[in-house]
Amino acid sequence: MKQQAIASGRTELSRWLRLIQAEYREMPGLHLTKKQMQRLWGFDNETCDAVLAELEDVSFLRRTPKDAYVRTDFDS
């Protein structure tokens, strides 16, 4: 049962990662703070942290000095 829950969590995380990457690709200059992401996608704190950590780890997003997240290939 626990493995099934873990697999389900990974699937859910993968789905969110694809969605967020698609949104950022459609709007290359998109700047969102963590709070804005939580409101926009209905994330709880833990889910938002996991998504952001993964997107930063794969160098898709980076955090700006104003605590917004932008694509790494976007010059701000």
PDB file of N, CA and C in Angstrom:
ATOM      1  N   MET A   1       0.820  -1.195   0.000  1.00  0.00           N
ATOM      2  CA  MET A   1       0.000   0.000   0.000  1.00  0.00           C
ATOM      3  C   MET A   1       0.865   1.261   0.000  1.00  0.00           C
ATOM      4  N   LYS A   2       1.932   1.257   0.788  1.00  0.00           N
ATOM      5  CA  LYS A   2       2.803   2.425   0.869  1.00  0.00           C
ATOM      6  C   LYS A   2       3.490   2.685  -0.476  1.00  0.00           C
ATOM      7  N   GLN A   3       3.939   1.629  -1.155  1.00  0.00           N
ATOM      8  CA  GLN A   3       4.583   1.788  -2.463  1.00  0.00           C
ATOM      9  C   GLN A   3       3.615   2.355  -3.485  1.00  0.00           C
ATOM     10  N   GLN A   4       2.368   1.945  -3.396  1.00  0.00           N
ATOM     11  CA  GLN A   4       1.358   2.465  -4.311  1.00  0.00           C
ATOM     12  C   GLN A   4       1.166   3.970  -4.083  1.00  0.00           C
ATOM     13  N   ALA A   5       1.159   4.389  -2.838  1.00  0.00           N
ATOM     14  CA  ALA A   5       1.019   5.812  -2.519  1.00  0.00           C
ATOM     15  C   ALA A   5       2.222   6.600  -3.019  1.00  0.00           C
ATOM     16  N   ILE A   6       3.412   6.043  -2.884  1.00  0.00           N
ATOM     17  CA  ILE A   6       4.618   6.710  -3.371  1.00  0.00           C
ATOM     18  C   ILE A   6       4.575   6.842  -4.889  1.00  0.00           C
ATOM     19  N   ALA A   7       4.203   5.770  -5.577  1.00  0.00           N
ATOM     20  CA  ALA A   7       4.102   5.800  -7.042  1.00  0.00           C
ATOM     21  C   ALA A   7       3.058   6.816  -7.487  1.00  0.00           C
ATOM     22  N   SER A   8       1.952   6.879  -6.780  1.00  0.00           N
ATOM     23  CA  SER A   8       0.910   7.842  -7.106  1.00  0.00           C
ATOM     24  C   SER A   8       1.423   9.270  -6.920  1.00  0.00           C
ATOM     25  N   GLY A   9       2.182   9.502  -5.864  1.00  0.00           N
ATOM     26  CA  GLY A   9       2.766  10.818  -5.612  1.00  0.00           C
ATOM     27  C   GLY A   9       3.735  11.222  -6.695  1.00  0.00           C
ATOM     28  N   ARG A  10       4.539  10.273  -7.160  1.00  0.00           N
ATOM     29  CA  ARG A  10       5.484  10.551  -8.252  1.00  0.00           C
ATOM     30  C   ARG A  10       4.753  10.886  -9.538  1.00  0.00           C
ATOM     31  N   THR A  11       3.685  10.154  -9.812  1.00  0.00           N
ATOM     32  CA  THR A  11       2.895  10.408 -11.016  1.00  0.00           C
ATOM     33  C   THR A  11       2.282  11.802 -10.955  1.00  0.00           C
ATOM     34  N   GLU A  12       1.758  12.153  -9.803  1.00  0.00           N
ATOM     35  CA  GLU A  12       1.167  13.479  -9.614  1.00  0.00           C
ATOM     36  C   GLU A  12       2.220  14.566  -9.779  1.00  0.00           C
ATOM     37  N   LEU A  13       3.390  14.378  -9.199  1.00  0.00           N
ATOM     38  CA  LEU A  13       4.475  15.347  -9.329  1.00  0.00           C
ATOM     39  C   LEU A  13       4.884  15.487 -10.798  1.00  0.00           C
ATOM     40  N   SER A  14       5.008  14.391 -11.504  1.00  0.00           N
ATOM     41  CA  SER A  14       5.370  14.433 -12.924  1.00  0.00           C
ATOM     42  C   SER A  14       4.339  15.207 -13.736  1.00  0.00           C
ATOM     43  N   ARG A  15       3.090  15.005 -13.408  1.00  0.00           N
ATOM     44  CA  ARG A  15       2.013  15.722 -14.104  1.00  0.00           C
ATOM     45  C   ARG A  15       2.123  17.229 -13.879  1.00  0.00           C
ATOM     46  N   TRP A  16       2.378  17.623 -12.636  1.00  0.00           N
ATOM     47  CA  TRP A  16       2.536  19.043 -12.320  1.00  0.00           C
ATOM     48  C   TRP A  16       3.754  19.627 -13.009  1.00  0.00           C
ATOM     49  N   LEU A  17       4.845  18.880 -13.029  1.00  0.00           N
ATOM     50  CA  LEU A  17       6.059  19.376 -13.674  1.00  0.00           C
ATOM     51  C   LEU A  17       5.816  19.650 -15.155  1.00  0.00           C
ATOM     52  N   ARG A  18       5.151  18.728 -15.839  1.00  0.00           N
ATOM     53  CA  ARG A  18       4.849  18.916 -17.263  1.00  0.00           C
ATOM     54  C   ARG A  18       3.947  20.135 -17.476  1.00  0.00           C
ATOM     55  N   LEU A  19       2.938  20.284 -16.642  1.00  0.00           N
ATOM     56  CA  LEU A  19       2.014  21.406 -16.767  1.00  0.00           C
ATOM     57  C   LEU A  19       2.734  22.743 -16.573  1.00  0.00           C
ATOM     58  N   ILE A  20       3.535  22.829 -15.529  1.00  0.00           N
ATOM     59  CA  ILE A  20       4.220  24.089 -15.232  1.00  0.00           C
ATOM     60  C   ILE A  20       5.250  24.413 -16.312  1.00  0.00           C
ATOM     61  N   GLN A  21       5.974  23.420 -16.782  1.00  0.00           N
ATOM     62  CA  GLN A  21       6.918  23.657 -17.866  1.00  0.00           C
ATOM     63  C   GLN A  21       6.185  24.154 -19.115  1.00  0.00           C
ATOM     64  N   ALA A  22       5.038  23.593 -19.405  1.00  0.00           N
ATOM     65  CA  ALA A  22       4.261  24.037 -20.562  1.00  0.00           C
ATOM     66  C   ALA A  22       3.821  25.490 -20.393  1.00  0.00           C
ATOM     67  N   GLU A  23       3.375  25.847 -19.210  1.00  0.00           N
ATOM     68  CA  GLU A  23       2.955  27.232 -18.955  1.00  0.00           C
ATOM     69  C   GLU A  23       4.123  28.203 -19.137  1.00  0.00           C
ATOM     70  N   TYR A  24       5.276  27.857 -18.591  1.00  0.00           N
ATOM     71  CA  TYR A  24       6.439  28.725 -18.719  1.00  0.00           C
ATOM     72  C   TYR A  24       6.941  28.790 -20.167  1.00  0.00           C
ATOM     73  N   ARG A  25       6.775  27.722 -20.926  1.00  0.00           N
ATOM     74  CA  ARG A  25       7.176  27.756 -22.342  1.00  0.00           C
ATOM     75  C   ARG A  25       6.237  28.640 -23.156  1.00  0.00           C
ATOM     76  N   GLU A  26       4.957  28.612 -22.828  1.00  0.00           N
ATOM     77  CA  GLU A  26       3.983  29.438 -23.533  1.00  0.00           C
ATOM     78  C   GLU A  26       4.165  30.918 -23.232  1.00  0.00           C
ATOM     79  N   MET A  27       4.664  31.215 -22.038  1.00  0.00           N
ATOM     80  CA  MET A  27       4.875  32.604 -21.616  1.00  0.00           C
ATOM     81  C   MET A  27       6.307  32.753 -21.114  1.00  0.00           C
ATOM     82  N   PRO A  28       7.267  32.913 -22.021  1.00  0.00           N
ATOM     83  CA  PRO A  28       8.688  32.899 -21.643  1.00  0.00           C
ATOM     84  C   PRO A  28       9.086  33.916 -20.566  1.00  0.00           C
ATOM     85  N   GLY A  29       8.430  35.044 -20.476  1.00  0.00           N
ATOM     86  CA  GLY A  29       8.772  36.051 -19.476  1.00  0.00           C
ATOM     87  C   GLY A  29       8.034  35.891 -18.161  1.00  0.00           C
ATOM     88  N   LEU A  30       7.361  34.776 -17.975  1.00  0.00           N
ATOM     89  CA  LEU A  30       6.562  34.556 -16.771  1.00  0.00           C
ATOM     90  C   LEU A  30       7.432  34.608 -15.522  1.00  0.00           C
ATOM     91  N   HIS A  31       7.008  35.424 -14.574  1.00  0.00           N
ATOM     92  CA  HIS A  31       7.646  35.543 -13.260  1.00  0.00           C
ATOM     93  C   HIS A  31       6.577  35.245 -12.227  1.00  0.00           C
ATOM     94  N   LEU A  32       6.748  34.198 -11.448  1.00  0.00           N
ATOM     95  CA  LEU A  32       5.791  33.880 -10.393  1.00  0.00           C
ATOM     96  C   LEU A  32       6.525  33.644  -9.086  1.00  0.00           C
ATOM     97  N   THR A  33       5.971  34.179  -8.017  1.00  0.00           N
ATOM     98  CA  THR A  33       6.506  33.880  -6.694  1.00  0.00           C
ATOM     99  C   THR A  33       5.918  32.549  -6.237  1.00  0.00           C
ATOM    100  N   LYS A  34       6.463  32.020  -5.173  1.00  0.00           N
ATOM    101  CA  LYS A  34       5.944  30.772  -4.620  1.00  0.00           C
ATOM    102  C   LYS A  34       4.473  30.936  -4.227  1.00  0.00           C
ATOM    103  N   LYS A  35       4.135  32.057  -3.588  1.00  0.00           N
ATOM    104  CA  LYS A  35       2.741  32.290  -3.182  1.00  0.00           C
ATOM    105  C   LYS A  35       1.815  32.360  -4.391  1.00  0.00           C
ATOM    106  N   GLN A  36       2.272  32.976  -5.469  1.00  0.00           N
ATOM    107  CA  GLN A  36       1.457  33.053  -6.678  1.00  0.00           C
ATOM    108  C   GLN A  36       1.233  31.662  -7.274  1.00  0.00           C
ATOM    109  N   MET A  37       2.283  30.841  -7.261  1.00  0.00           N
ATOM    110  CA  MET A  37       2.138  29.468  -7.761  1.00  0.00           C
ATOM    111  C   MET A  37       1.145  28.688  -6.910  1.00  0.00           C
ATOM    112  N   GLN A  38       1.220  28.883  -5.614  1.00  0.00           N
ATOM    113  CA  GLN A  38       0.300  28.168  -4.725  1.00  0.00           C
ATOM    114  C   GLN A  38      -1.141  28.564  -5.023  1.00  0.00           C
ATOM    115  N   ARG A  39      -1.388  29.836  -5.261  1.00  0.00           N
ATOM    116  CA  ARG A  39      -2.753  30.282  -5.573  1.00  0.00           C
ATOM    117  C   ARG A  39      -3.188  29.809  -6.964  1.00  0.00           C
ATOM    118  N   LEU A  40      -2.297  29.957  -7.947  1.00  0.00           N
ATOM    119  CA  LEU A  40      -2.637  29.616  -9.324  1.00  0.00           C
ATOM    120  C   LEU A  40      -2.944  28.140  -9.505  1.00  0.00           C
ATOM    121  N   TRP A  41      -2.114  27.282  -8.913  1.00  0.00           N
ATOM    122  CA  TRP A  41      -2.269  25.846  -9.122  1.00  0.00           C
ATOM    123  C   TRP A  41      -2.831  25.099  -7.906  1.00  0.00           C
ATOM    124  N   GLY A  42      -3.158  25.829  -6.858  1.00  0.00           N
ATOM    125  CA  GLY A  42      -3.773  25.200  -5.685  1.00  0.00           C
ATOM    126  C   GLY A  42      -2.837  24.298  -4.904  1.00  0.00           C
ATOM    127  N   PHE A  43      -1.544  24.620  -4.922  1.00  0.00           N
ATOM    128  CA  PHE A  43      -0.552  23.809  -4.211  1.00  0.00           C
ATOM    129  C   PHE A  43      -0.581  24.067  -2.716  1.00  0.00           C
ATOM    130  N   ASP A  44      -0.361  23.017  -1.950  1.00  0.00           N
ATOM    131  CA  ASP A  44      -0.038  23.220  -0.545  1.00  0.00           C
ATOM    132  C   ASP A  44       1.472  23.520  -0.498  1.00  0.00           C
ATOM    133  N   ASN A  45       1.957  23.887   0.651  1.00  0.00           N
ATOM    134  CA  ASN A  45       3.357  24.284   0.796  1.00  0.00           C
ATOM    135  C   ASN A  45       4.324  23.159   0.397  1.00  0.00           C
ATOM    136  N   GLU A  46       4.041  21.950   0.839  1.00  0.00           N
ATOM    137  CA  GLU A  46       4.913  20.805   0.579  1.00  0.00           C
ATOM    138  C   GLU A  46       4.991  20.485  -0.919  1.00  0.00           C
ATOM    139  N   THR A  47       3.854  20.485  -1.579  1.00  0.00           N
ATOM    140  CA  THR A  47       3.830  20.196  -3.017  1.00  0.00           C
ATOM    141  C   THR A  47       4.562  21.276  -3.793  1.00  0.00           C
ATOM    142  N   CYS A  48       4.328  22.519  -3.434  1.00  0.00           N
ATOM    143  CA  CYS A  48       4.987  23.625  -4.120  1.00  0.00           C
ATOM    144  C   CYS A  48       6.501  23.527  -3.949  1.00  0.00           C
ATOM    145  N   ASP A  49       6.954  23.236  -2.747  1.00  0.00           N
ATOM    146  CA  ASP A  49       8.392  23.082  -2.508  1.00  0.00           C
ATOM    147  C   ASP A  49       8.983  21.953  -3.348  1.00  0.00           C
ATOM    148  N   ALA A  50       8.271  20.837  -3.455  1.00  0.00           N
ATOM    149  CA  ALA A  50       8.755  19.691  -4.233  1.00  0.00           C
ATOM    150  C   ALA A  50       8.840  20.040  -5.715  1.00  0.00           C
ATOM    151  N   VAL A  51       7.827  20.708  -6.230  1.00  0.00           N
ATOM    152  CA  VAL A  51       7.811  21.100  -7.639  1.00  0.00           C
ATOM    153  C   VAL A  51       8.944  22.078  -7.929  1.00  0.00           C
ATOM    154  N   LEU A  52       9.075  23.091  -7.098  1.00  0.00           N
ATOM    155  CA  LEU A  52      10.128  24.087  -7.316  1.00  0.00           C
ATOM    156  C   LEU A  52      11.516  23.467  -7.202  1.00  0.00           C
ATOM    157  N   ALA A  53      11.708  22.607  -6.237  1.00  0.00           N
ATOM    158  CA  ALA A  53      13.013  21.954  -6.074  1.00  0.00           C
ATOM    159  C   ALA A  53      13.363  21.147  -7.322  1.00  0.00           C
ATOM    160  N   GLU A  54      12.410  20.421  -7.842  1.00  0.00           N
ATOM    161  CA  GLU A  54      12.660  19.612  -9.041  1.00  0.00           C
ATOM    162  C   GLU A  54      12.949  20.494 -10.253  1.00  0.00           C
ATOM    163  N   LEU A  55      12.185  21.552 -10.426  1.00  0.00           N
ATOM    164  CA  LEU A  55      12.391  22.429 -11.577  1.00  0.00           C
ATOM    165  C   LEU A  55      13.708  23.193 -11.476  1.00  0.00           C
ATOM    166  N   GLU A  56      14.142  23.489 -10.275  1.00  0.00           N
ATOM    167  CA  GLU A  56      15.461  24.106 -10.103  1.00  0.00           C
ATOM    168  C   GLU A  56      16.563  23.070 -10.308  1.00  0.00           C
ATOM    169  N   ASP A  57      16.377  21.861  -9.812  1.00  0.00           N
ATOM    170  CA  ASP A  57      17.381  20.794  -9.959  1.00  0.00           C
ATOM    171  C   ASP A  57      17.674  20.469 -11.418  1.00  0.00           C
ATOM    172  N   VAL A  58      16.645  20.521 -12.256  1.00  0.00           N
ATOM    173  CA  VAL A  58      16.841  20.214 -13.681  1.00  0.00           C
ATOM    174  C   VAL A  58      17.157  21.478 -14.485  1.00  0.00           C
ATOM    175  N   SER A  59      17.395  22.575 -13.773  1.00  0.00           N
ATOM    176  CA  SER A  59      17.755  23.859 -14.386  1.00  0.00           C
ATOM    177  C   SER A  59      16.710  24.385 -15.362  1.00  0.00           C
ATOM    178  N   PHE A  60      15.437  24.149 -15.053  1.00  0.00           N
ATOM    179  CA  PHE A  60      14.367  24.728 -15.863  1.00  0.00           C
ATOM    180  C   PHE A  60      13.983  26.101 -15.314  1.00  0.00           C
ATOM    181  N   LEU A  61      13.893  26.213 -13.986  1.00  0.00           N
ATOM    182  CA  LEU A  61      13.575  27.488 -13.343  1.00  0.00           C
ATOM    183  C   LEU A  61      14.725  27.925 -12.450  1.00  0.00           C
ATOM    184  N   ARG A  62      14.771  29.237 -12.240  1.00  0.00           N
ATOM    185  CA  ARG A  62      15.696  29.798 -11.256  1.00  0.00           C
ATOM    186  C   ARG A  62      14.952  30.861 -10.469  1.00  0.00           C
ATOM    187  N   ARG A  63      15.431  31.096  -9.264  1.00  0.00           N
ATOM    188  CA  ARG A  63      14.800  32.112  -8.419  1.00  0.00           C
ATOM    189  C   ARG A  63      15.543  33.424  -8.586  1.00  0.00           C
ATOM    190  N   THR A  64      14.799  34.488  -8.785  1.00  0.00           N
ATOM    191  CA  THR A  64      15.392  35.815  -8.949  1.00  0.00           C
ATOM    192  C   THR A  64      15.640  36.434  -7.575  1.00  0.00           C
ATOM    193  N   PRO A  65      16.400  37.529  -7.532  1.00  0.00           N
ATOM    194  CA  PRO A  65      16.615  38.221  -6.246  1.00  0.00           C
ATOM    195  C   PRO A  65      15.317  38.708  -5.593  1.00  0.00           C
ATOM    196  N   LYS A  66      14.253  38.858  -6.395  1.00  0.00           N
ATOM    197  CA  LYS A  66      12.954  39.285  -5.841  1.00  0.00           C
ATOM    198  C   LYS A  66      12.059  38.098  -5.509  1.00  0.00           C
ATOM    199  N   ASP A  67      12.648  36.897  -5.422  1.00  0.00           N
ATOM    200  CA  ASP A  67      11.943  35.664  -5.060  1.00  0.00           C
ATOM    201  C   ASP A  67      10.843  35.256  -6.042  1.00  0.00           C
ATOM    202  N   ALA A  68      11.046  35.588  -7.303  1.00  0.00           N
ATOM    203  CA  ALA A  68      10.154  35.099  -8.358  1.00  0.00           C
ATOM    204  C   ALA A  68      10.892  33.982  -9.084  1.00  0.00           C
ATOM    205  N   TYR A  69      10.143  33.108  -9.700  1.00  0.00           N
ATOM    206  CA  TYR A  69      10.731  32.006 -10.455  1.00  0.00           C
ATOM    207  C   TYR A  69      10.535  32.265 -11.938  1.00  0.00           C
ATOM    208  N   VAL A  70      11.645  32.188 -12.678  1.00  0.00           N
ATOM    209  CA  VAL A  70      11.652  32.406 -14.122  1.00  0.00           C
ATOM    210  C   VAL A  70      12.420  31.267 -14.781  1.00  0.00           C
ATOM    211  N   ARG A  71      12.220  31.113 -16.084  1.00  0.00           N
ATOM    212  CA  ARG A  71      12.989  30.107 -16.807  1.00  0.00           C
ATOM    213  C   ARG A  71      14.468  30.473 -16.759  1.00  0.00           C
ATOM    214  N   THR A  72      15.308  29.486 -16.701  1.00  0.00           N
ATOM    215  CA  THR A  72      16.748  29.741 -16.609  1.00  0.00           C
ATOM    216  C   THR A  72      17.283  30.408 -17.867  1.00  0.00           C
ATOM    217  N   ASP A  73      16.612  30.215 -18.998  1.00  0.00           N
ATOM    218  CA  ASP A  73      17.089  30.826 -20.242  1.00  0.00           C
ATOM    219  C   ASP A  73      16.473  32.194 -20.498  1.00  0.00           C
ATOM    220  N   PHE A  74      15.794  32.758 -19.500  1.00  0.00           N
ATOM    221  CA  PHE A  74      15.193  34.085 -19.627  1.00  0.00           C
ATOM    222  C   PHE A  74      16.082  35.103 -18.932  1.00  0.00           C
ATOM    223  N   ASP A  75      16.469  36.143 -19.648  1.00  0.00           N
ATOM    224  CA  ASP A  75      17.279  37.215 -19.064  1.00  0.00           C
ATOM    225  C   ASP A  75      16.361  38.232 -18.430  1.00  0.00           C
ATOM    226  N   SER A  76      16.529  38.402 -17.120  1.00  0.00           N
ATOM    227  CA  SER A  76      15.691  39.401 -16.444  1.00  0.00           C
ATOM    228  C   SER A  76      16.532  40.541 -15.932  1.00  0.00           C
TER     229      SER A  76
END
